[in-house]
Amino acid sequence: MRLRKGAVLAAGLMLGGCAAADGSGEAESSQLAHPAAEITATENTETTIAAAAPREAPPAPEYPMLASLEGRSAADLEALLGAPQFRRRDNPAELWQYRGEACVLDLILYPGGGSALAVDYLDVRGTGRDAASRQACFVSLLKARGGADKG
């Protein structure tokens, strides 16, 4: 009995293969798996792909480099950092000071080309002296002011 079932199964498989041998390379759609099974498989695949796709983080704000302050006008500084917490006038120069939680940014402005004041010298105090610490201080002042993307 088993042998007969195996022979019937083999004959069915060979006939299925013959149906596809008409030169088209495709079997009749009635010989394909049930269409609902394909849809379910596709839906599950899409769901799996959607669940596995990493979510993109919002881009981090970009901050200008501390050195980019050199030569900036007083108006540019106020647009970027706001009004200084301390200002001292020593004609012809002005000292502007911005204070953060962990550091202080000192800017010395002199009249540039014309009579407008522009940054001639800057210094950061209260953190390490390396460039990364100085930049971190500047970024913390920008964050406190909300001055991202205003390079």
N, C-alpha and C. Protein backbone atom coordinates (compact mmCIF):
# COMPACT_ATOMS: atom_id res chain seq x y z
N MET A 1 0.82 -1.18 0.00
CA MET A 1 0.00 0.00 0.00
C MET A 1 0.88 1.26 0.00
N ARG A 2 1.92 1.21 0.81
CA ARG A 2 2.81 2.37 0.84
C ARG A 2 3.47 2.59 -0.50
N LEU A 3 3.85 1.55 -1.14
CA LEU A 3 4.51 1.66 -2.42
C LEU A 3 3.58 2.30 -3.44
N ARG A 4 2.32 1.94 -3.40
CA ARG A 4 1.36 2.49 -4.34
C ARG A 4 1.16 3.99 -4.08
N LYS A 5 1.08 4.43 -2.80
CA LYS A 5 0.93 5.87 -2.48
C LYS A 5 2.15 6.65 -2.95
N GLY A 6 3.33 6.06 -2.77
CA GLY A 6 4.56 6.71 -3.22
C GLY A 6 4.58 6.87 -4.72
N ALA A 7 4.11 5.84 -5.46
CA ALA A 7 4.09 5.90 -6.91
C ALA A 7 3.11 6.96 -7.39
N VAL A 8 1.96 7.05 -6.73
CA VAL A 8 0.96 8.06 -7.10
C VAL A 8 1.52 9.45 -6.84
N LEU A 9 2.20 9.61 -5.71
CA LEU A 9 2.80 10.91 -5.37
C LEU A 9 3.88 11.28 -6.38
N ALA A 10 4.72 10.33 -6.76
CA ALA A 10 5.78 10.59 -7.74
C ALA A 10 5.18 10.94 -9.09
N ALA A 11 4.12 10.23 -9.49
CA ALA A 11 3.48 10.52 -10.77
C ALA A 11 2.87 11.91 -10.76
N GLY A 12 2.29 12.31 -9.64
CA GLY A 12 1.72 13.66 -9.53
C GLY A 12 2.79 14.73 -9.64
N LEU A 13 3.92 14.46 -9.05
CA LEU A 13 5.02 15.42 -9.14
C LEU A 13 5.55 15.53 -10.56
N MET A 14 5.64 14.41 -11.24
CA MET A 14 6.14 14.45 -12.62
C MET A 14 5.15 15.17 -13.52
N LEU A 15 3.85 14.96 -13.31
CA LEU A 15 2.86 15.66 -14.11
C LEU A 15 2.92 17.16 -13.85
N GLY A 16 3.14 17.54 -12.61
CA GLY A 16 3.28 18.96 -12.28
C GLY A 16 4.46 19.56 -13.00
N GLY A 17 5.53 18.81 -13.09
CA GLY A 17 6.71 19.28 -13.79
C GLY A 17 6.46 19.39 -15.28
N CYS A 18 5.64 18.49 -15.83
CA CYS A 18 5.32 18.53 -17.26
C CYS A 18 4.49 19.75 -17.60
N ALA A 19 3.65 20.18 -16.69
CA ALA A 19 2.81 21.34 -16.96
C ALA A 19 3.66 22.58 -17.15
N ALA A 20 4.80 22.61 -16.51
CA ALA A 20 5.67 23.78 -16.62
C ALA A 20 6.61 23.66 -17.80
N ALA A 21 6.62 22.54 -18.46
CA ALA A 21 7.55 22.32 -19.55
C ALA A 21 7.00 22.80 -20.87
N ASP A 22 6.05 23.73 -20.90
CA ASP A 22 5.47 24.21 -22.15
C ASP A 22 6.28 25.34 -22.77
N GLY A 23 7.44 25.59 -22.21
CA GLY A 23 8.29 26.63 -22.78
C GLY A 23 8.13 27.97 -22.09
N SER A 24 7.08 28.12 -21.31
CA SER A 24 6.90 29.42 -20.65
C SER A 24 7.72 29.53 -19.39
N GLY A 25 8.10 28.41 -18.83
CA GLY A 25 8.89 28.41 -17.61
C GLY A 25 8.04 28.66 -16.38
N GLU A 26 6.72 28.74 -16.54
CA GLU A 26 5.85 28.99 -15.41
C GLU A 26 4.81 27.88 -15.32
N ALA A 27 4.48 27.49 -14.14
CA ALA A 27 3.43 26.50 -13.93
C ALA A 27 2.10 27.23 -13.89
N GLU A 28 1.03 26.51 -14.10
CA GLU A 28 -0.31 27.09 -14.01
C GLU A 28 -0.50 27.67 -12.62
N SER A 29 -1.25 28.77 -12.53
CA SER A 29 -1.48 29.40 -11.23
C SER A 29 -2.26 28.49 -10.31
N SER A 30 -3.04 27.54 -10.85
CA SER A 30 -3.79 26.62 -10.00
C SER A 30 -2.86 25.66 -9.29
N GLN A 31 -1.63 25.48 -9.78
CA GLN A 31 -0.70 24.57 -9.14
C GLN A 31 0.15 25.28 -8.09
N LEU A 32 0.04 26.60 -7.97
CA LEU A 32 0.80 27.34 -6.97
C LEU A 32 0.16 27.18 -5.62
N ALA A 33 0.88 27.55 -4.63
CA ALA A 33 0.33 27.51 -3.27
C ALA A 33 -0.85 28.45 -3.20
N HIS A 34 -1.64 28.28 -2.22
CA HIS A 34 -2.84 29.10 -2.04
C HIS A 34 -2.45 30.58 -1.97
N PRO A 35 -3.12 31.48 -2.73
CA PRO A 35 -2.76 32.90 -2.75
C PRO A 35 -2.80 33.54 -1.38
N ALA A 36 -3.70 33.15 -0.52
CA ALA A 36 -3.77 33.74 0.82
C ALA A 36 -2.50 33.45 1.60
N ALA A 37 -1.90 32.29 1.37
CA ALA A 37 -0.66 31.94 2.06
C ALA A 37 0.46 32.87 1.61
N GLU A 38 0.47 33.22 0.31
CA GLU A 38 1.50 34.12 -0.19
C GLU A 38 1.33 35.51 0.39
N ILE A 39 0.09 35.97 0.46
CA ILE A 39 -0.17 37.31 1.01
C ILE A 39 0.27 37.37 2.46
N THR A 40 -0.08 36.34 3.21
CA THR A 40 0.30 36.30 4.62
C THR A 40 1.81 36.32 4.75
N ALA A 41 2.47 35.52 3.92
CA ALA A 41 3.93 35.48 3.97
C ALA A 41 4.50 36.84 3.63
N THR A 42 3.94 37.52 2.63
CA THR A 42 4.42 38.84 2.25
C THR A 42 4.17 39.84 3.36
N GLU A 43 2.98 39.77 3.93
CA GLU A 43 2.67 40.71 5.02
C GLU A 43 3.60 40.48 6.19
N ASN A 44 3.83 39.22 6.54
CA ASN A 44 4.73 38.93 7.65
C ASN A 44 6.14 39.40 7.34
N THR A 45 6.59 39.22 6.10
CA THR A 45 7.93 39.66 5.71
C THR A 45 8.04 41.17 5.84
N GLU A 46 7.04 41.90 5.34
CA GLU A 46 7.07 43.35 5.43
C GLU A 46 7.05 43.81 6.87
N THR A 47 6.24 43.15 7.68
CA THR A 47 6.16 43.49 9.10
C THR A 47 7.50 43.27 9.76
N THR A 48 8.12 42.13 9.43
CA THR A 48 9.42 41.82 10.01
C THR A 48 10.45 42.84 9.56
N ILE A 49 10.44 43.19 8.28
CA ILE A 49 11.39 44.18 7.78
C ILE A 49 11.15 45.53 8.44
N ALA A 50 9.91 45.93 8.57
CA ALA A 50 9.60 47.22 9.18
C ALA A 50 10.03 47.23 10.64
N ALA A 51 9.84 46.11 11.34
CA ALA A 51 10.22 46.05 12.74
C ALA A 51 11.73 46.05 12.90
N ALA A 52 12.46 45.47 11.93
CA ALA A 52 13.91 45.37 12.04
C ALA A 52 14.62 46.63 11.58
N ALA A 53 13.94 47.50 10.84
CA ALA A 53 14.59 48.71 10.33
C ALA A 53 14.90 49.64 11.49
N PRO A 54 16.15 50.10 11.61
CA PRO A 54 16.50 51.01 12.71
C PRO A 54 15.86 52.38 12.51
N ARG A 55 15.46 52.97 13.60
CA ARG A 55 14.90 54.31 13.52
C ARG A 55 16.03 55.31 13.42
N GLU A 56 15.84 56.27 12.55
CA GLU A 56 16.88 57.29 12.38
C GLU A 56 16.75 58.32 13.47
N ALA A 57 17.86 58.62 14.10
CA ALA A 57 17.88 59.66 15.12
C ALA A 57 17.86 61.01 14.44
N PRO A 58 17.26 61.99 15.07
CA PRO A 58 17.29 63.31 14.47
C PRO A 58 18.74 63.79 14.39
N PRO A 59 19.07 64.54 13.36
CA PRO A 59 20.46 64.98 13.23
C PRO A 59 20.86 65.87 14.41
N ALA A 60 22.07 65.66 14.84
CA ALA A 60 22.58 66.48 15.93
C ALA A 60 22.81 67.90 15.43
N PRO A 61 22.51 68.89 16.27
CA PRO A 61 22.75 70.26 15.82
C PRO A 61 24.25 70.49 15.61
N GLU A 62 24.56 71.32 14.66
CA GLU A 62 25.95 71.65 14.40
C GLU A 62 26.28 72.98 15.04
N TYR A 63 27.42 73.05 15.67
CA TYR A 63 27.86 74.27 16.33
C TYR A 63 29.11 74.79 15.65
N PRO A 64 29.24 76.10 15.58
CA PRO A 64 30.47 76.66 14.99
C PRO A 64 31.66 76.40 15.91
N MET A 65 32.82 76.45 15.34
CA MET A 65 34.05 76.29 16.12
C MET A 65 34.34 77.58 16.87
N LEU A 66 34.96 77.45 18.02
CA LEU A 66 35.32 78.60 18.84
C LEU A 66 36.17 79.59 18.05
N ALA A 67 37.11 79.09 17.29
CA ALA A 67 38.01 79.97 16.51
C ALA A 67 37.25 80.81 15.50
N SER A 68 36.02 80.38 15.14
CA SER A 68 35.25 81.15 14.15
C SER A 68 34.76 82.48 14.71
N LEU A 69 34.91 82.68 16.01
CA LEU A 69 34.51 83.97 16.60
C LEU A 69 35.49 85.09 16.26
N GLU A 70 36.73 84.72 15.98
CA GLU A 70 37.73 85.74 15.68
C GLU A 70 37.32 86.53 14.44
N GLY A 71 37.32 87.84 14.58
CA GLY A 71 36.97 88.72 13.48
C GLY A 71 35.47 89.01 13.38
N ARG A 72 34.64 88.32 14.16
CA ARG A 72 33.20 88.57 14.10
C ARG A 72 32.86 89.92 14.71
N SER A 73 31.83 90.52 14.15
CA SER A 73 31.40 91.83 14.64
C SER A 73 30.61 91.68 15.94
N ALA A 74 30.46 92.79 16.65
CA ALA A 74 29.68 92.81 17.88
C ALA A 74 28.24 92.37 17.61
N ALA A 75 27.69 92.81 16.49
CA ALA A 75 26.32 92.43 16.13
C ALA A 75 26.21 90.92 15.90
N ASP A 76 27.20 90.32 15.25
CA ASP A 76 27.20 88.87 15.03
C ASP A 76 27.25 88.13 16.36
N LEU A 77 28.09 88.61 17.27
CA LEU A 77 28.21 87.96 18.58
C LEU A 77 26.89 87.99 19.34
N GLU A 78 26.24 89.14 19.32
CA GLU A 78 24.96 89.25 20.04
C GLU A 78 23.90 88.37 19.39
N ALA A 79 23.93 88.23 18.08
CA ALA A 79 22.97 87.35 17.42
C ALA A 79 23.23 85.89 17.79
N LEU A 80 24.48 85.53 17.97
CA LEU A 80 24.86 84.15 18.27
C LEU A 80 24.74 83.82 19.75
N LEU A 81 25.29 84.68 20.60
CA LEU A 81 25.38 84.38 22.03
C LEU A 81 24.47 85.24 22.92
N GLY A 82 23.84 86.23 22.34
CA GLY A 82 23.04 87.14 23.15
C GLY A 82 23.91 88.24 23.73
N ALA A 83 23.33 89.04 24.59
CA ALA A 83 24.09 90.11 25.24
C ALA A 83 25.06 89.49 26.25
N PRO A 84 26.25 90.03 26.35
CA PRO A 84 27.21 89.48 27.32
C PRO A 84 26.73 89.72 28.75
N GLN A 85 27.13 88.85 29.68
CA GLN A 85 26.79 89.04 31.09
C GLN A 85 27.62 90.16 31.71
N PHE A 86 28.77 90.42 31.12
CA PHE A 86 29.64 91.50 31.61
C PHE A 86 30.24 92.19 30.41
N ARG A 87 30.25 93.53 30.46
CA ARG A 87 30.85 94.32 29.39
C ARG A 87 31.62 95.47 30.02
N ARG A 88 32.87 95.62 29.60
CA ARG A 88 33.69 96.72 30.09
C ARG A 88 34.30 97.43 28.90
N ARG A 89 34.21 98.74 28.93
CA ARG A 89 34.73 99.55 27.83
C ARG A 89 36.06 100.18 28.26
N ASP A 90 37.11 99.91 27.52
CA ASP A 90 38.43 100.52 27.68
C ASP A 90 38.81 101.04 26.31
N ASN A 91 38.41 102.27 26.01
CA ASN A 91 38.59 102.82 24.66
C ASN A 91 39.99 102.55 24.14
N PRO A 92 40.10 102.06 22.96
CA PRO A 92 39.11 101.83 21.93
C PRO A 92 38.49 100.42 22.01
N ALA A 93 38.89 99.60 23.02
CA ALA A 93 38.48 98.20 23.07
C ALA A 93 37.31 98.00 24.04
N GLU A 94 36.67 96.83 23.90
CA GLU A 94 35.66 96.39 24.85
C GLU A 94 35.94 94.94 25.22
N LEU A 95 35.71 94.62 26.49
CA LEU A 95 35.81 93.25 26.97
C LEU A 95 34.37 92.75 27.15
N TRP A 96 34.05 91.64 26.51
CA TRP A 96 32.74 91.00 26.66
C TRP A 96 32.98 89.65 27.34
N GLN A 97 32.11 89.34 28.29
CA GLN A 97 32.26 88.09 29.02
C GLN A 97 30.94 87.32 29.04
N TYR A 98 31.03 86.06 28.68
CA TYR A 98 29.89 85.15 28.73
C TYR A 98 30.21 84.08 29.77
N ARG A 99 29.31 83.88 30.71
CA ARG A 99 29.54 82.94 31.81
C ARG A 99 28.60 81.74 31.68
N GLY A 100 29.19 80.56 31.77
CA GLY A 100 28.42 79.32 31.78
C GLY A 100 28.53 78.67 33.14
N GLU A 101 27.97 77.48 33.28
CA GLU A 101 28.02 76.77 34.56
C GLU A 101 29.43 76.37 34.94
N ALA A 102 30.25 76.02 33.94
CA ALA A 102 31.58 75.51 34.24
C ALA A 102 32.71 76.33 33.63
N CYS A 103 32.38 77.39 32.91
CA CYS A 103 33.46 78.12 32.25
C CYS A 103 33.03 79.55 31.93
N VAL A 104 34.02 80.33 31.54
CA VAL A 104 33.82 81.73 31.16
C VAL A 104 34.52 81.96 29.83
N LEU A 105 33.81 82.64 28.92
CA LEU A 105 34.39 83.02 27.63
C LEU A 105 34.62 84.52 27.65
N ASP A 106 35.89 84.92 27.47
CA ASP A 106 36.26 86.34 27.39
C ASP A 106 36.55 86.68 25.94
N LEU A 107 35.98 87.78 25.48
CA LEU A 107 36.21 88.26 24.12
C LEU A 107 36.65 89.71 24.21
N ILE A 108 37.73 90.04 23.53
CA ILE A 108 38.19 91.42 23.46
C ILE A 108 37.95 91.91 22.04
N LEU A 109 37.17 92.98 21.94
CA LEU A 109 36.79 93.54 20.65
C LEU A 109 37.50 94.88 20.45
N TYR A 110 38.01 95.06 19.26
CA TYR A 110 38.65 96.31 18.86
C TYR A 110 37.94 96.79 17.60
N PRO A 111 38.04 98.09 17.33
CA PRO A 111 37.48 98.57 16.06
C PRO A 111 38.20 97.89 14.91
N GLY A 112 37.42 97.38 13.96
CA GLY A 112 37.99 96.71 12.79
C GLY A 112 38.07 97.67 11.64
N GLY A 113 37.93 97.15 10.43
CA GLY A 113 37.90 97.98 9.22
C GLY A 113 36.70 98.89 9.29
N GLY A 114 36.91 100.14 9.59
CA GLY A 114 35.81 101.07 9.84
C GLY A 114 35.76 101.30 11.34
N SER A 115 34.60 101.56 11.87
CA SER A 115 34.51 101.84 13.31
C SER A 115 33.82 100.71 14.08
N ALA A 116 33.33 99.69 13.39
CA ALA A 116 32.62 98.60 14.07
C ALA A 116 33.59 97.75 14.87
N LEU A 117 33.15 97.34 16.06
CA LEU A 117 33.96 96.47 16.90
C LEU A 117 33.93 95.05 16.36
N ALA A 118 35.06 94.37 16.46
CA ALA A 118 35.17 92.98 16.03
C ALA A 118 36.09 92.24 17.00
N VAL A 119 35.90 90.94 17.13
CA VAL A 119 36.70 90.13 18.05
C VAL A 119 38.14 90.08 17.57
N ASP A 120 39.05 90.49 18.47
CA ASP A 120 40.47 90.47 18.17
C ASP A 120 41.17 89.37 18.99
N TYR A 121 40.62 89.05 20.15
CA TYR A 121 41.23 88.06 21.04
C TYR A 121 40.12 87.36 21.82
N LEU A 122 40.32 86.07 22.08
CA LEU A 122 39.37 85.34 22.91
C LEU A 122 40.10 84.38 23.83
N ASP A 123 39.46 84.07 24.95
CA ASP A 123 40.03 83.14 25.91
C ASP A 123 38.89 82.43 26.64
N VAL A 124 39.15 81.20 27.03
CA VAL A 124 38.19 80.41 27.80
C VAL A 124 38.84 80.07 29.13
N ARG A 125 38.11 80.27 30.21
CA ARG A 125 38.62 79.96 31.54
C ARG A 125 37.65 79.02 32.26
N GLY A 126 38.22 78.25 33.19
CA GLY A 126 37.39 77.41 34.05
C GLY A 126 37.34 75.96 33.64
N THR A 127 37.84 75.61 32.49
CA THR A 127 37.92 74.21 32.07
C THR A 127 39.35 73.94 31.67
N GLY A 128 39.60 72.76 31.17
CA GLY A 128 40.95 72.41 30.71
C GLY A 128 41.41 73.36 29.61
N ARG A 129 42.68 73.36 29.37
CA ARG A 129 43.26 74.27 28.38
C ARG A 129 43.32 73.64 26.99
N ASP A 130 42.95 72.37 26.85
CA ASP A 130 43.03 71.75 25.53
C ASP A 130 41.88 72.25 24.65
N ALA A 131 42.04 72.09 23.36
CA ALA A 131 41.08 72.61 22.38
C ALA A 131 39.69 72.00 22.57
N ALA A 132 39.63 70.71 22.93
CA ALA A 132 38.33 70.05 23.11
C ALA A 132 37.57 70.68 24.28
N SER A 133 38.27 70.99 25.37
CA SER A 133 37.62 71.60 26.53
C SER A 133 37.16 73.01 26.21
N ARG A 134 37.96 73.73 25.47
CA ARG A 134 37.60 75.09 25.09
C ARG A 134 36.37 75.07 24.18
N GLN A 135 36.34 74.14 23.22
CA GLN A 135 35.19 74.01 22.32
C GLN A 135 33.96 73.57 23.10
N ALA A 136 34.13 72.65 24.05
CA ALA A 136 33.00 72.18 24.87
C ALA A 136 32.40 73.34 25.67
N CYS A 137 33.24 74.22 26.16
CA CYS A 137 32.76 75.40 26.87
C CYS A 137 31.91 76.26 25.95
N PHE A 138 32.42 76.52 24.77
CA PHE A 138 31.70 77.35 23.80
C PHE A 138 30.36 76.73 23.43
N VAL A 139 30.36 75.42 23.20
CA VAL A 139 29.11 74.73 22.85
C VAL A 139 28.12 74.81 24.00
N SER A 140 28.60 74.69 25.24
CA SER A 140 27.69 74.79 26.38
C SER A 140 27.05 76.18 26.46
N LEU A 141 27.80 77.21 26.11
CA LEU A 141 27.24 78.56 26.09
C LEU A 141 26.21 78.71 24.97
N LEU A 142 26.49 78.10 23.82
CA LEU A 142 25.53 78.14 22.71
C LEU A 142 24.26 77.39 23.05
N LYS A 143 24.42 76.23 23.70
CA LYS A 143 23.23 75.45 24.09
C LYS A 143 22.38 76.22 25.09
N ALA A 144 23.04 76.87 26.02
CA ALA A 144 22.30 77.66 27.01
C ALA A 144 21.52 78.79 26.34
N ARG A 145 22.07 79.32 25.29
CA ARG A 145 21.42 80.42 24.55
C ARG A 145 20.46 79.88 23.49
N GLY A 146 20.67 78.62 23.07
CA GLY A 146 19.86 78.08 21.98
C GLY A 146 20.41 78.48 20.63
N GLY A 147 21.76 78.62 20.53
CA GLY A 147 22.39 79.13 19.31
C GLY A 147 22.90 78.06 18.38
N ALA A 148 22.21 76.92 18.28
CA ALA A 148 22.65 75.87 17.34
C ALA A 148 22.38 76.31 15.91
N ASP A 149 23.16 75.76 15.00
CA ASP A 149 22.99 76.00 13.55
C ASP A 149 23.07 77.46 13.18
N LYS A 150 23.83 78.24 13.90
CA LYS A 150 23.94 79.66 13.56
C LYS A 150 25.39 79.99 13.25
N GLY A 151 26.11 79.00 12.68
CA GLY A 151 27.52 79.13 12.39
C GLY A 151 27.84 80.26 11.56
